[in-house]
Amino acid sequence: MATGVTLAEFESRVGVLERDVEGEKLVTRHILEQTRRNGDDLAAVKSRLDRVETRLDRVETKIDGLERNLPKIVGDAMREVLRDLDRKT
């Protein structure tokens, strides 16, 4: 199955293969670099998102407390207003 290939043709084919391999190495390095960079960016986004979620949890707790206490707050305010009106009349 051996075919007659000249030395120049052989060297040309090897050169093409070497360039292909080097090109794939460059692509692989680029992908790896982008993956690392994106991984760092994703970690930063996740960290910020965790902080935002913590803040939202605190806000939700405050809103829940206000929801529970609002009827008493409004009632107290109305009683005070009515007392003031009674004193003026």
PDB file of N, CA and C in Angstrom:
ATOM      1  N   MET A   1       0.802  -1.191   0.000  1.00  0.00           N
ATOM      2  CA  MET A   1       0.000   0.000   0.000  1.00  0.00           C
ATOM      3  C   MET A   1       0.846   1.257   0.000  1.00  0.00           C
ATOM      4  N   ALA A   2       2.104   1.121  -0.052  1.00  0.00           N
ATOM      5  CA  ALA A   2       2.964   2.288  -0.074  1.00  0.00           C
ATOM      6  C   ALA A   2       2.809   2.989  -1.414  1.00  0.00           C
ATOM      7  N   THR A   3       2.685   4.302  -1.341  1.00  0.00           N
ATOM      8  CA  THR A   3       2.591   5.082  -2.576  1.00  0.00           C
ATOM      9  C   THR A   3       3.825   5.933  -2.689  1.00  0.00           C
ATOM     10  N   GLY A   4       4.146   6.271  -3.877  1.00  0.00           N
ATOM     11  CA  GLY A   4       5.337   7.076  -4.099  1.00  0.00           C
ATOM     12  C   GLY A   4       5.071   8.526  -3.783  1.00  0.00           C
ATOM     13  N   VAL A   5       5.684   9.030  -2.736  1.00  0.00           N
ATOM     14  CA  VAL A   5       5.546  10.424  -2.329  1.00  0.00           C
ATOM     15  C   VAL A   5       6.948  11.004  -2.297  1.00  0.00           C
ATOM     16  N   THR A   6       7.080  12.139  -2.931  1.00  0.00           N
ATOM     17  CA  THR A   6       8.400  12.767  -2.943  1.00  0.00           C
ATOM     18  C   THR A   6       8.661  13.388  -1.570  1.00  0.00           C
ATOM     19  N   LEU A   7       9.923  13.631  -1.316  1.00  0.00           N
ATOM     20  CA  LEU A   7      10.311  14.241  -0.048  1.00  0.00           C
ATOM     21  C   LEU A   7       9.675  15.624   0.116  1.00  0.00           C
ATOM     22  N   ALA A   8       9.636  16.403  -0.951  1.00  0.00           N
ATOM     23  CA  ALA A   8       9.057  17.747  -0.893  1.00  0.00           C
ATOM     24  C   ALA A   8       7.564  17.665  -0.577  1.00  0.00           C
ATOM     25  N   GLU A   9       6.866  16.710  -1.209  1.00  0.00           N
ATOM     26  CA  GLU A   9       5.441  16.555  -0.950  1.00  0.00           C
ATOM     27  C   GLU A   9       5.202  16.085   0.494  1.00  0.00           C
ATOM     28  N   PHE A  10       6.047  15.180   0.946  1.00  0.00           N
ATOM     29  CA  PHE A  10       5.946  14.688   2.323  1.00  0.00           C
ATOM     30  C   PHE A  10       6.142  15.837   3.312  1.00  0.00           C
ATOM     31  N   GLU A  11       7.205  16.626   3.088  1.00  0.00           N
ATOM     32  CA  GLU A  11       7.472  17.766   3.969  1.00  0.00           C
ATOM     33  C   GLU A  11       6.339  18.784   3.923  1.00  0.00           C
ATOM     34  N   SER A  12       5.744  18.960   2.749  1.00  0.00           N
ATOM     35  CA  SER A  12       4.617  19.880   2.608  1.00  0.00           C
ATOM     36  C   SER A  12       3.433  19.384   3.426  1.00  0.00           C
ATOM     37  N   ARG A  13       3.144  18.098   3.317  1.00  0.00           N
ATOM     38  CA  ARG A  13       2.019  17.527   4.069  1.00  0.00           C
ATOM     39  C   ARG A  13       2.270  17.605   5.583  1.00  0.00           C
ATOM     40  N   VAL A  14       3.487  17.316   5.998  1.00  0.00           N
ATOM     41  CA  VAL A  14       3.828  17.410   7.417  1.00  0.00           C
ATOM     42  C   VAL A  14       3.690  18.857   7.892  1.00  0.00           C
ATOM     43  N   GLY A  15       4.118  19.789   7.063  1.00  0.00           N
ATOM     44  CA  GLY A  15       3.988  21.211   7.405  1.00  0.00           C
ATOM     45  C   GLY A  15       2.535  21.619   7.598  1.00  0.00           C
ATOM     46  N   VAL A  16       1.669  21.126   6.708  1.00  0.00           N
ATOM     47  CA  VAL A  16       0.239  21.417   6.830  1.00  0.00           C
ATOM     48  C   VAL A  16      -0.298  20.846   8.146  1.00  0.00           C
ATOM     49  N   LEU A  17       0.075  19.615   8.448  1.00  0.00           N
ATOM     50  CA  LEU A  17      -0.369  18.990   9.698  1.00  0.00           C
ATOM     51  C   LEU A  17       0.141  19.754  10.917  1.00  0.00           C
ATOM     52  N   GLU A  18       1.404  20.161  10.875  1.00  0.00           N
ATOM     53  CA  GLU A  18       1.963  20.914  12.009  1.00  0.00           C
ATOM     54  C   GLU A  18       1.212  22.230  12.218  1.00  0.00           C
ATOM     55  N   ARG A  19       0.880  22.920  11.109  1.00  0.00           N
ATOM     56  CA  ARG A  19       0.143  24.186  11.232  1.00  0.00           C
ATOM     57  C   ARG A  19      -1.270  23.938  11.771  1.00  0.00           C
ATOM     58  N   ASP A  20      -1.883  22.847  11.311  1.00  0.00           N
ATOM     59  CA  ASP A  20      -3.214  22.501  11.825  1.00  0.00           C
ATOM     60  C   ASP A  20      -3.163  22.251  13.329  1.00  0.00           C
ATOM     61  N   VAL A  21      -2.176  21.484  13.752  1.00  0.00           N
ATOM     62  CA  VAL A  21      -2.036  21.178  15.172  1.00  0.00           C
ATOM     63  C   VAL A  21      -1.773  22.456  15.959  1.00  0.00           C
ATOM     64  N   GLU A  22      -0.900  23.315  15.458  1.00  0.00           N
ATOM     65  CA  GLU A  22      -0.590  24.566  16.149  1.00  0.00           C
ATOM     66  C   GLU A  22      -1.829  25.455  16.206  1.00  0.00           C
ATOM     67  N   GLY A  23      -2.596  25.481  15.124  1.00  0.00           N
ATOM     68  CA  GLY A  23      -3.834  26.257  15.104  1.00  0.00           C
ATOM     69  C   GLY A  23      -4.827  25.741  16.134  1.00  0.00           C
ATOM     70  N   GLU A  24      -4.944  24.423  16.230  1.00  0.00           N
ATOM     71  CA  GLU A  24      -5.856  23.846  17.221  1.00  0.00           C
ATOM     72  C   GLU A  24      -5.374  24.130  18.633  1.00  0.00           C
ATOM     73  N   LYS A  25      -4.063  24.142  18.818  1.00  0.00           N
ATOM     74  CA  LYS A  25      -3.532  24.489  20.141  1.00  0.00           C
ATOM     75  C   LYS A  25      -3.920  25.920  20.501  1.00  0.00           C
ATOM     76  N   LEU A  26      -3.801  26.829  19.529  1.00  0.00           N
ATOM     77  CA  LEU A  26      -4.158  28.228  19.788  1.00  0.00           C
ATOM     78  C   LEU A  26      -5.643  28.357  20.129  1.00  0.00           C
ATOM     79  N   VAL A  27      -6.465  27.640  19.381  1.00  0.00           N
ATOM     80  CA  VAL A  27      -7.904  27.681  19.652  1.00  0.00           C
ATOM     81  C   VAL A  27      -8.194  27.120  21.039  1.00  0.00           C
ATOM     82  N   THR A  28      -7.562  26.008  21.374  1.00  0.00           N
ATOM     83  CA  THR A  28      -7.767  25.391  22.684  1.00  0.00           C
ATOM     84  C   THR A  28      -7.326  26.329  23.796  1.00  0.00           C
ATOM     85  N   ARG A  29      -6.186  26.984  23.616  1.00  0.00           N
ATOM     86  CA  ARG A  29      -5.709  27.939  24.626  1.00  0.00           C
ATOM     87  C   ARG A  29      -6.677  29.098  24.786  1.00  0.00           C
ATOM     88  N   HIS A  30      -7.181  29.589  23.645  1.00  0.00           N
ATOM     89  CA  HIS A  30      -8.133  30.695  23.685  1.00  0.00           C
ATOM     90  C   HIS A  30      -9.405  30.281  24.434  1.00  0.00           C
ATOM     91  N   ILE A  31      -9.920  29.112  24.126  1.00  0.00           N
ATOM     92  CA  ILE A  31     -11.127  28.622  24.794  1.00  0.00           C
ATOM     93  C   ILE A  31     -10.878  28.464  26.290  1.00  0.00           C
ATOM     94  N   LEU A  32      -9.734  27.917  26.647  1.00  0.00           N
ATOM     95  CA  LEU A  32      -9.405  27.748  28.060  1.00  0.00           C
ATOM     96  C   LEU A  32      -9.326  29.090  28.777  1.00  0.00           C
ATOM     97  N   GLU A  33      -8.693  30.072  28.128  1.00  0.00           N
ATOM     98  CA  GLU A  33      -8.577  31.413  28.719  1.00  0.00           C
ATOM     99  C   GLU A  33      -9.965  32.038  28.901  1.00  0.00           C
ATOM    100  N   GLN A  34     -10.815  31.921  27.890  1.00  0.00           N
ATOM    101  CA  GLN A  34     -12.161  32.475  27.982  1.00  0.00           C
ATOM    102  C   GLN A  34     -12.974  31.770  29.065  1.00  0.00           C
ATOM    103  N   THR A  35     -12.795  30.465  29.181  1.00  0.00           N
ATOM    104  CA  THR A  35     -13.496  29.699  30.208  1.00  0.00           C
ATOM    105  C   THR A  35     -13.081  30.161  31.591  1.00  0.00           C
ATOM    106  N   ARG A  36     -11.806  30.355  31.784  1.00  0.00           N
ATOM    107  CA  ARG A  36     -11.321  30.837  33.085  1.00  0.00           C
ATOM    108  C   ARG A  36     -11.862  32.226  33.382  1.00  0.00           C
ATOM    109  N   ARG A  37     -11.789  33.098  32.381  1.00  0.00           N
ATOM    110  CA  ARG A  37     -12.267  34.471  32.569  1.00  0.00           C
ATOM    111  C   ARG A  37     -13.763  34.473  32.863  1.00  0.00           C
ATOM    112  N   ASN A  38     -14.524  33.713  32.095  1.00  0.00           N
ATOM    113  CA  ASN A  38     -15.968  33.645  32.317  1.00  0.00           C
ATOM    114  C   ASN A  38     -16.284  33.026  33.675  1.00  0.00           C
ATOM    115  N   GLY A  39     -15.493  32.045  34.073  1.00  0.00           N
ATOM    116  CA  GLY A  39     -15.686  31.432  35.388  1.00  0.00           C
ATOM    117  C   GLY A  39     -15.494  32.446  36.495  1.00  0.00           C
ATOM    118  N   ASP A  40     -14.483  33.294  36.363  1.00  0.00           N
ATOM    119  CA  ASP A  40     -14.245  34.352  37.353  1.00  0.00           C
ATOM    120  C   ASP A  40     -15.409  35.351  37.362  1.00  0.00           C
ATOM    121  N   ASP A  41     -15.869  35.717  36.152  1.00  0.00           N
ATOM    122  CA  ASP A  41     -16.992  36.651  36.052  1.00  0.00           C
ATOM    123  C   ASP A  41     -18.248  36.047  36.670  1.00  0.00           C
ATOM    124  N   LEU A  42     -18.491  34.791  36.387  1.00  0.00           N
ATOM    125  CA  LEU A  42     -19.672  34.130  36.950  1.00  0.00           C
ATOM    126  C   LEU A  42     -19.598  34.057  38.470  1.00  0.00           C
ATOM    127  N   ALA A  43     -18.413  33.808  38.984  1.00  0.00           N
ATOM    128  CA  ALA A  43     -18.245  33.764  40.444  1.00  0.00           C
ATOM    129  C   ALA A  43     -18.544  35.142  41.055  1.00  0.00           C
ATOM    130  N   ALA A  44     -18.094  36.198  40.393  1.00  0.00           N
ATOM    131  CA  ALA A  44     -18.350  37.556  40.888  1.00  0.00           C
ATOM    132  C   ALA A  44     -19.847  37.864  40.841  1.00  0.00           C
ATOM    133  N   VAL A  45     -20.502  37.478  39.757  1.00  0.00           N
ATOM    134  CA  VAL A  45     -21.943  37.708  39.633  1.00  0.00           C
ATOM    135  C   VAL A  45     -22.690  36.933  40.713  1.00  0.00           C
ATOM    136  N   LYS A  46     -22.292  35.695  40.935  1.00  0.00           N
ATOM    137  CA  LYS A  46     -22.940  34.872  41.961  1.00  0.00           C
ATOM    138  C   LYS A  46     -22.774  35.499  43.344  1.00  0.00           C
ATOM    139  N   SER A  47     -21.592  36.003  43.617  1.00  0.00           N
ATOM    140  CA  SER A  47     -21.340  36.640  44.909  1.00  0.00           C
ATOM    141  C   SER A  47     -22.245  37.859  45.097  1.00  0.00           C
ATOM    142  N   ARG A  48     -22.353  38.686  44.056  1.00  0.00           N
ATOM    143  CA  ARG A  48     -23.209  39.872  44.143  1.00  0.00           C
ATOM    144  C   ARG A  48     -24.674  39.478  44.267  1.00  0.00           C
ATOM    145  N   LEU A  49     -25.071  38.458  43.544  1.00  0.00           N
ATOM    146  CA  LEU A  49     -26.445  37.985  43.620  1.00  0.00           C
ATOM    147  C   LEU A  49     -26.767  37.473  45.018  1.00  0.00           C
ATOM    148  N   ASP A  50     -25.828  36.784  45.633  1.00  0.00           N
ATOM    149  CA  ASP A  50     -26.032  36.314  47.008  1.00  0.00           C
ATOM    150  C   ASP A  50     -26.252  37.492  47.957  1.00  0.00           C
ATOM    151  N   ARG A  51     -25.486  38.570  47.768  1.00  0.00           N
ATOM    152  CA  ARG A  51     -25.665  39.755  48.617  1.00  0.00           C
ATOM    153  C   ARG A  51     -27.024  40.399  48.389  1.00  0.00           C
ATOM    154  N   VAL A  52     -27.442  40.462  47.129  1.00  0.00           N
ATOM    155  CA  VAL A  52     -28.746  41.045  46.813  1.00  0.00           C
ATOM    156  C   VAL A  52     -29.860  40.207  47.438  1.00  0.00           C
ATOM    157  N   GLU A  53     -29.732  38.891  47.336  1.00  0.00           N
ATOM    158  CA  GLU A  53     -30.736  38.014  47.938  1.00  0.00           C
ATOM    159  C   GLU A  53     -30.804  38.203  49.451  1.00  0.00           C
ATOM    160  N   THR A  54     -29.660  38.382  50.081  1.00  0.00           N
ATOM    161  CA  THR A  54     -29.632  38.617  51.533  1.00  0.00           C
ATOM    162  C   THR A  54     -30.364  39.918  51.867  1.00  0.00           C
ATOM    163  N   ARG A  55     -30.102  40.964  51.092  1.00  0.00           N
ATOM    164  CA  ARG A  55     -30.781  42.241  51.319  1.00  0.00           C
ATOM    165  C   ARG A  55     -32.288  42.109  51.114  1.00  0.00           C
ATOM    166  N   LEU A  56     -32.673  41.396  50.066  1.00  0.00           N
ATOM    167  CA  LEU A  56     -34.099  41.206  49.806  1.00  0.00           C
ATOM    168  C   LEU A  56     -34.767  40.422  50.922  1.00  0.00           C
ATOM    169  N   ASP A  57     -34.059  39.462  51.469  1.00  0.00           N
ATOM    170  CA  ASP A  57     -34.604  38.709  52.603  1.00  0.00           C
ATOM    171  C   ASP A  57     -34.877  39.639  53.781  1.00  0.00           C
ATOM    172  N   ARG A  58     -33.950  40.573  54.028  1.00  0.00           N
ATOM    173  CA  ARG A  58     -34.143  41.535  55.124  1.00  0.00           C
ATOM    174  C   ARG A  58     -35.344  42.443  54.856  1.00  0.00           C
ATOM    175  N   VAL A  59     -35.450  42.906  53.607  1.00  0.00           N
ATOM    176  CA  VAL A  59     -36.583  43.763  53.239  1.00  0.00           C
ATOM    177  C   VAL A  59     -37.888  42.992  53.409  1.00  0.00           C
ATOM    178  N   GLU A  60     -37.900  41.753  52.971  1.00  0.00           N
ATOM    179  CA  GLU A  60     -39.102  40.929  53.097  1.00  0.00           C
ATOM    180  C   GLU A  60     -39.495  40.764  54.569  1.00  0.00           C
ATOM    181  N   THR A  61     -38.504  40.563  55.429  1.00  0.00           N
ATOM    182  CA  THR A  61     -38.774  40.432  56.860  1.00  0.00           C
ATOM    183  C   THR A  61     -39.386  41.724  57.410  1.00  0.00           C
ATOM    184  N   LYS A  62     -38.849  42.867  56.985  1.00  0.00           N
ATOM    185  CA  LYS A  62     -39.383  44.152  57.451  1.00  0.00           C
ATOM    186  C   LYS A  62     -40.805  44.373  56.948  1.00  0.00           C
ATOM    187  N   ILE A  63     -41.058  44.010  55.705  1.00  0.00           N
ATOM    188  CA  ILE A  63     -42.405  44.172  55.144  1.00  0.00           C
ATOM    189  C   ILE A  63     -43.390  43.269  55.872  1.00  0.00           C
ATOM    190  N   ASP A  64     -42.971  42.053  56.152  1.00  0.00           N
ATOM    191  CA  ASP A  64     -43.845  41.140  56.905  1.00  0.00           C
ATOM    192  C   ASP A  64     -44.171  41.722  58.282  1.00  0.00           C
ATOM    193  N   GLY A  65     -43.173  42.303  58.939  1.00  0.00           N
ATOM    194  CA  GLY A  65     -43.395  42.919  60.247  1.00  0.00           C
ATOM    195  C   GLY A  65     -44.339  44.095  60.144  1.00  0.00           C
ATOM    196  N   LEU A  66     -44.149  44.901  59.101  1.00  0.00           N
ATOM    197  CA  LEU A  66     -45.032  46.048  58.902  1.00  0.00           C
ATOM    198  C   LEU A  66     -46.454  45.580  58.627  1.00  0.00           C
ATOM    199  N   GLU A  67     -46.591  44.536  57.844  1.00  0.00           N
ATOM    200  CA  GLU A  67     -47.918  43.997  57.530  1.00  0.00           C
ATOM    201  C   GLU A  67     -48.633  43.551  58.814  1.00  0.00           C
ATOM    202  N   ARG A  68     -47.885  42.920  59.711  1.00  0.00           N
ATOM    203  CA  ARG A  68     -48.478  42.473  60.979  1.00  0.00           C
ATOM    204  C   ARG A  68     -48.837  43.654  61.878  1.00  0.00           C
ATOM    205  N   ASN A  69     -47.991  44.674  61.891  1.00  0.00           N
ATOM    206  CA  ASN A  69     -48.159  45.790  62.828  1.00  0.00           C
ATOM    207  C   ASN A  69     -48.991  46.946  62.282  1.00  0.00           C
ATOM    208  N   LEU A  70     -49.233  46.979  60.967  1.00  0.00           N
ATOM    209  CA  LEU A  70     -49.917  48.126  60.364  1.00  0.00           C
ATOM    210  C   LEU A  70     -51.309  48.368  60.953  1.00  0.00           C
ATOM    211  N   PRO A  71     -52.118  47.350  61.152  1.00  0.00           N
ATOM    212  CA  PRO A  71     -53.438  47.634  61.752  1.00  0.00           C
ATOM    213  C   PRO A  71     -53.316  48.318  63.107  1.00  0.00           C
ATOM    214  N   LYS A  72     -52.386  47.898  63.944  1.00  0.00           N
ATOM    215  CA  LYS A  72     -52.206  48.523  65.256  1.00  0.00           C
ATOM    216  C   LYS A  72     -51.708  49.957  65.106  1.00  0.00           C
ATOM    217  N   ILE A  73     -50.783  50.175  64.176  1.00  0.00           N
ATOM    218  CA  ILE A  73     -50.240  51.525  63.956  1.00  0.00           C
ATOM    219  C   ILE A  73     -51.353  52.467  63.511  1.00  0.00           C
ATOM    220  N   VAL A  74     -52.162  52.018  62.540  1.00  0.00           N
ATOM    221  CA  VAL A  74     -53.246  52.865  62.032  1.00  0.00           C
ATOM    222  C   VAL A  74     -54.279  53.091  63.138  1.00  0.00           C
ATOM    223  N   GLY A  75     -54.610  52.036  63.866  1.00  0.00           N
ATOM    224  CA  GLY A  75     -55.575  52.176  64.965  1.00  0.00           C
ATOM    225  C   GLY A  75     -55.102  53.161  66.011  1.00  0.00           C
ATOM    226  N   ASP A  76     -53.847  53.066  66.417  1.00  0.00           N
ATOM    227  CA  ASP A  76     -53.292  53.999  67.409  1.00  0.00           C
ATOM    228  C   ASP A  76     -53.338  55.432  66.892  1.00  0.00           C
ATOM    229  N   ALA A  77     -52.982  55.610  65.613  1.00  0.00           N
ATOM    230  CA  ALA A  77     -52.982  56.957  65.025  1.00  0.00           C
ATOM    231  C   ALA A  77     -54.403  57.518  64.984  1.00  0.00           C
ATOM    232  N   MET A  78     -55.356  56.691  64.591  1.00  0.00           N
ATOM    233  CA  MET A  78     -56.742  57.157  64.518  1.00  0.00           C
ATOM    234  C   MET A  78     -57.276  57.499  65.916  1.00  0.00           C
ATOM    235  N   ARG A  79     -56.960  56.676  66.912  1.00  0.00           N
ATOM    236  CA  ARG A  79     -57.400  56.969  68.281  1.00  0.00           C
ATOM    237  C   ARG A  79     -56.818  58.299  68.757  1.00  0.00           C
ATOM    238  N   GLU A  80     -55.563  58.547  68.421  1.00  0.00           N
ATOM    239  CA  GLU A  80     -54.928  59.809  68.817  1.00  0.00           C
ATOM    240  C   GLU A  80     -55.608  60.989  68.136  1.00  0.00           C
ATOM    241  N   VAL A  81     -55.902  60.837  66.839  1.00  0.00           N
ATOM    242  CA  VAL A  81     -56.577  61.912  66.104  1.00  0.00           C
ATOM    243  C   VAL A  81     -57.959  62.163  66.697  1.00  0.00           C
ATOM    244  N   LEU A  82     -58.688  61.106  66.992  1.00  0.00           N
ATOM    245  CA  LEU A  82     -60.026  61.260  67.554  1.00  0.00           C
ATOM    246  C   LEU A  82     -59.970  61.900  68.935  1.00  0.00           C
ATOM    247  N   ARG A  83     -58.967  61.529  69.735  1.00  0.00           N
ATOM    248  CA  ARG A  83     -58.821  62.161  71.058  1.00  0.00           C
ATOM    249  C   ARG A  83     -58.557  63.653  70.905  1.00  0.00           C
ATOM    250  N   ASP A  84     -57.690  63.996  69.954  1.00  0.00           N
ATOM    251  CA  ASP A  84     -57.388  65.420  69.711  1.00  0.00           C
ATOM    252  C   ASP A  84     -58.643  66.158  69.264  1.00  0.00           C
ATOM    253  N   LEU A  85     -59.450  65.535  68.426  1.00  0.00           N
ATOM    254  CA  LEU A  85     -60.687  66.176  67.966  1.00  0.00           C
ATOM    255  C   LEU A  85     -61.664  66.346  69.131  1.00  0.00           C
ATOM    256  N   ASP A  86     -61.749  65.342  70.014  1.00  0.00           N
ATOM    257  CA  ASP A  86     -62.641  65.435  71.167  1.00  0.00           C
ATOM    258  C   ASP A  86     -62.204  66.575  72.091  1.00  0.00           C
ATOM    259  N   ARG A  87     -60.911  66.758  72.249  1.00  0.00           N
ATOM    260  CA  ARG A  87     -60.416  67.832  73.132  1.00  0.00           C
ATOM    261  C   ARG A  87     -60.741  69.191  72.563  1.00  0.00           C
ATOM    262  N   LYS A  88     -60.739  69.313  71.244  1.00  0.00           N
ATOM    263  CA  LYS A  88     -60.986  70.608  70.602  1.00  0.00           C
ATOM    264  C   LYS A  88     -62.466  70.971  70.614  1.00  0.00           C
ATOM    265  N   THR A  89     -63.328  69.999  70.741  1.00  0.00           N
ATOM    266  CA  THR A  89     -64.763  70.312  70.703  1.00  0.00           C
ATOM    267  C   THR A  89     -65.363  70.473  72.070  1.00  0.00           C
TER     268      THR A  89
END
